[in-house]
Amino acid sequence: MAVNWWLALIIIVVVNGIILWEWLMSTEPVSRKMRKWFFIVGNVIAVGLAVAELIWLDFE
């Protein structure tokens, strides 16, 4: 079960790393509101993937 939690944590860290990389390496100007929504949507996707992974691996 601990492996499931580590994998869920890795999924969230990787998605947040992608978001941070996009923010730091983007050369286009992006509004603060757009950055906020990009962060929120990215984290909703990450949490959704992590929960799906926990449920999926729990039943195997």
N, C-alpha and C. Protein backbone atom coordinates (compact mmCIF):
# COMPACT_ATOMS: atom_id res chain seq x y z
N MET A 1 0.82 -1.20 0.00
CA MET A 1 0.00 0.00 0.00
C MET A 1 0.86 1.27 0.00
N ALA A 2 2.02 1.21 0.65
CA ALA A 2 2.89 2.38 0.69
C ALA A 2 3.40 2.74 -0.70
N VAL A 3 3.57 1.72 -1.54
CA VAL A 3 4.01 1.98 -2.91
C VAL A 3 2.97 2.80 -3.66
N ASN A 4 1.68 2.52 -3.41
CA ASN A 4 0.61 3.28 -4.05
C ASN A 4 0.68 4.76 -3.67
N TRP A 5 0.95 5.03 -2.39
CA TRP A 5 1.03 6.42 -1.94
C TRP A 5 2.24 7.12 -2.55
N TRP A 6 3.36 6.41 -2.64
CA TRP A 6 4.55 7.00 -3.26
C TRP A 6 4.31 7.30 -4.73
N LEU A 7 3.65 6.38 -5.43
CA LEU A 7 3.36 6.60 -6.84
C LEU A 7 2.41 7.78 -7.02
N ALA A 8 1.42 7.92 -6.16
CA ALA A 8 0.50 9.06 -6.21
C ALA A 8 1.26 10.36 -5.97
N LEU A 9 2.17 10.35 -5.02
CA LEU A 9 2.98 11.54 -4.74
C LEU A 9 3.87 11.89 -5.92
N ILE A 10 4.45 10.88 -6.54
CA ILE A 10 5.30 11.11 -7.71
C ILE A 10 4.50 11.71 -8.86
N ILE A 11 3.26 11.23 -9.06
CA ILE A 11 2.41 11.79 -10.12
C ILE A 11 2.17 13.27 -9.88
N ILE A 12 1.83 13.64 -8.65
CA ILE A 12 1.55 15.05 -8.34
C ILE A 12 2.81 15.90 -8.49
N VAL A 13 3.95 15.39 -8.04
CA VAL A 13 5.21 16.14 -8.15
C VAL A 13 5.60 16.34 -9.62
N VAL A 14 5.43 15.32 -10.43
CA VAL A 14 5.80 15.42 -11.85
C VAL A 14 4.90 16.44 -12.56
N VAL A 15 3.60 16.39 -12.31
CA VAL A 15 2.70 17.35 -12.97
C VAL A 15 3.01 18.77 -12.51
N ASN A 16 3.28 18.96 -11.22
CA ASN A 16 3.65 20.30 -10.74
C ASN A 16 5.00 20.74 -11.29
N GLY A 17 5.91 19.80 -11.50
CA GLY A 17 7.18 20.12 -12.12
C GLY A 17 7.00 20.59 -13.57
N ILE A 18 6.08 19.94 -14.28
CA ILE A 18 5.79 20.36 -15.65
C ILE A 18 5.20 21.77 -15.66
N ILE A 19 4.29 22.04 -14.73
CA ILE A 19 3.69 23.38 -14.63
C ILE A 19 4.77 24.41 -14.33
N LEU A 20 5.63 24.13 -13.37
CA LEU A 20 6.70 25.06 -13.01
C LEU A 20 7.67 25.27 -14.17
N TRP A 21 8.01 24.21 -14.87
CA TRP A 21 8.90 24.31 -16.03
C TRP A 21 8.28 25.21 -17.10
N GLU A 22 6.99 25.04 -17.34
CA GLU A 22 6.29 25.86 -18.33
C GLU A 22 6.30 27.32 -17.92
N TRP A 23 6.10 27.59 -16.64
CA TRP A 23 6.12 28.98 -16.16
C TRP A 23 7.49 29.60 -16.32
N LEU A 24 8.53 28.87 -15.98
CA LEU A 24 9.89 29.42 -16.01
C LEU A 24 10.46 29.54 -17.42
N MET A 25 10.12 28.62 -18.30
CA MET A 25 10.71 28.60 -19.63
C MET A 25 9.85 29.27 -20.71
N SER A 26 8.65 29.68 -20.34
CA SER A 26 7.77 30.31 -21.31
C SER A 26 8.27 31.72 -21.64
N THR A 27 8.36 32.02 -22.92
CA THR A 27 8.81 33.35 -23.34
C THR A 27 7.63 34.27 -23.65
N GLU A 28 6.43 33.70 -23.70
CA GLU A 28 5.24 34.52 -23.97
C GLU A 28 4.71 35.12 -22.67
N PRO A 29 4.26 36.36 -22.72
CA PRO A 29 3.67 36.95 -21.52
C PRO A 29 2.32 36.30 -21.21
N VAL A 30 2.14 35.92 -19.96
CA VAL A 30 0.90 35.27 -19.53
C VAL A 30 0.37 36.04 -18.32
N SER A 31 -0.94 36.29 -18.32
CA SER A 31 -1.53 37.04 -17.22
C SER A 31 -1.52 36.22 -15.93
N ARG A 32 -1.64 36.92 -14.84
CA ARG A 32 -1.65 36.28 -13.54
C ARG A 32 -2.87 35.36 -13.39
N LYS A 33 -4.00 35.79 -13.95
CA LYS A 33 -5.23 34.99 -13.88
C LYS A 33 -5.05 33.69 -14.66
N MET A 34 -4.41 33.76 -15.81
CA MET A 34 -4.18 32.56 -16.62
C MET A 34 -3.23 31.60 -15.92
N ARG A 35 -2.20 32.13 -15.28
CA ARG A 35 -1.27 31.27 -14.53
C ARG A 35 -1.99 30.56 -13.40
N LYS A 36 -2.88 31.29 -12.70
CA LYS A 36 -3.63 30.70 -11.61
C LYS A 36 -4.50 29.55 -12.10
N TRP A 37 -5.21 29.76 -13.21
CA TRP A 37 -6.08 28.71 -13.73
C TRP A 37 -5.29 27.54 -14.30
N PHE A 38 -4.14 27.82 -14.89
CA PHE A 38 -3.27 26.75 -15.37
C PHE A 38 -2.82 25.88 -14.19
N PHE A 39 -2.46 26.52 -13.08
CA PHE A 39 -2.05 25.81 -11.88
C PHE A 39 -3.20 24.99 -11.30
N ILE A 40 -4.39 25.59 -11.23
CA ILE A 40 -5.55 24.89 -10.66
C ILE A 40 -5.93 23.69 -11.52
N VAL A 41 -6.04 23.88 -12.82
CA VAL A 41 -6.42 22.79 -13.71
C VAL A 41 -5.36 21.69 -13.71
N GLY A 42 -4.10 22.07 -13.73
CA GLY A 42 -3.03 21.08 -13.68
C GLY A 42 -3.07 20.26 -12.41
N ASN A 43 -3.33 20.89 -11.28
CA ASN A 43 -3.39 20.16 -10.02
C ASN A 43 -4.65 19.31 -9.91
N VAL A 44 -5.75 19.76 -10.48
CA VAL A 44 -6.96 18.92 -10.50
C VAL A 44 -6.69 17.65 -11.31
N ILE A 45 -6.02 17.81 -12.44
CA ILE A 45 -5.67 16.65 -13.26
C ILE A 45 -4.72 15.73 -12.48
N ALA A 46 -3.73 16.30 -11.81
CA ALA A 46 -2.77 15.50 -11.05
C ALA A 46 -3.45 14.75 -9.92
N VAL A 47 -4.33 15.41 -9.19
CA VAL A 47 -5.03 14.74 -8.10
C VAL A 47 -5.96 13.66 -8.65
N GLY A 48 -6.61 13.95 -9.76
CA GLY A 48 -7.46 12.95 -10.39
C GLY A 48 -6.67 11.72 -10.80
N LEU A 49 -5.51 11.92 -11.40
CA LEU A 49 -4.65 10.79 -11.78
C LEU A 49 -4.16 10.02 -10.55
N ALA A 50 -3.80 10.75 -9.50
CA ALA A 50 -3.31 10.09 -8.29
C ALA A 50 -4.41 9.26 -7.63
N VAL A 51 -5.61 9.80 -7.56
CA VAL A 51 -6.73 9.06 -6.97
C VAL A 51 -7.07 7.85 -7.83
N ALA A 52 -7.08 8.03 -9.15
CA ALA A 52 -7.35 6.90 -10.04
C ALA A 52 -6.30 5.81 -9.88
N GLU A 53 -5.06 6.22 -9.71
CA GLU A 53 -3.97 5.25 -9.50
C GLU A 53 -4.16 4.51 -8.18
N LEU A 54 -4.54 5.23 -7.14
CA LEU A 54 -4.76 4.58 -5.84
C LEU A 54 -5.91 3.58 -5.92
N ILE A 55 -6.98 3.94 -6.58
CA ILE A 55 -8.14 3.04 -6.72
C ILE A 55 -7.78 1.85 -7.60
N TRP A 56 -7.13 2.13 -8.71
CA TRP A 56 -6.79 1.07 -9.67
C TRP A 56 -5.84 0.05 -9.07
N LEU A 57 -4.78 0.51 -8.41
CA LEU A 57 -3.82 -0.42 -7.84
C LEU A 57 -4.33 -1.09 -6.57
N ASP A 58 -5.32 -0.49 -5.91
CA ASP A 58 -5.88 -1.07 -4.70
C ASP A 58 -6.69 -2.33 -5.02
N PHE A 59 -7.30 -2.38 -6.20
CA PHE A 59 -8.14 -3.53 -6.57
C PHE A 59 -7.37 -4.65 -7.25
N GLU A 60 -6.12 -4.43 -7.57
CA GLU A 60 -5.34 -5.50 -8.22
C GLU A 60 -4.80 -6.47 -7.22
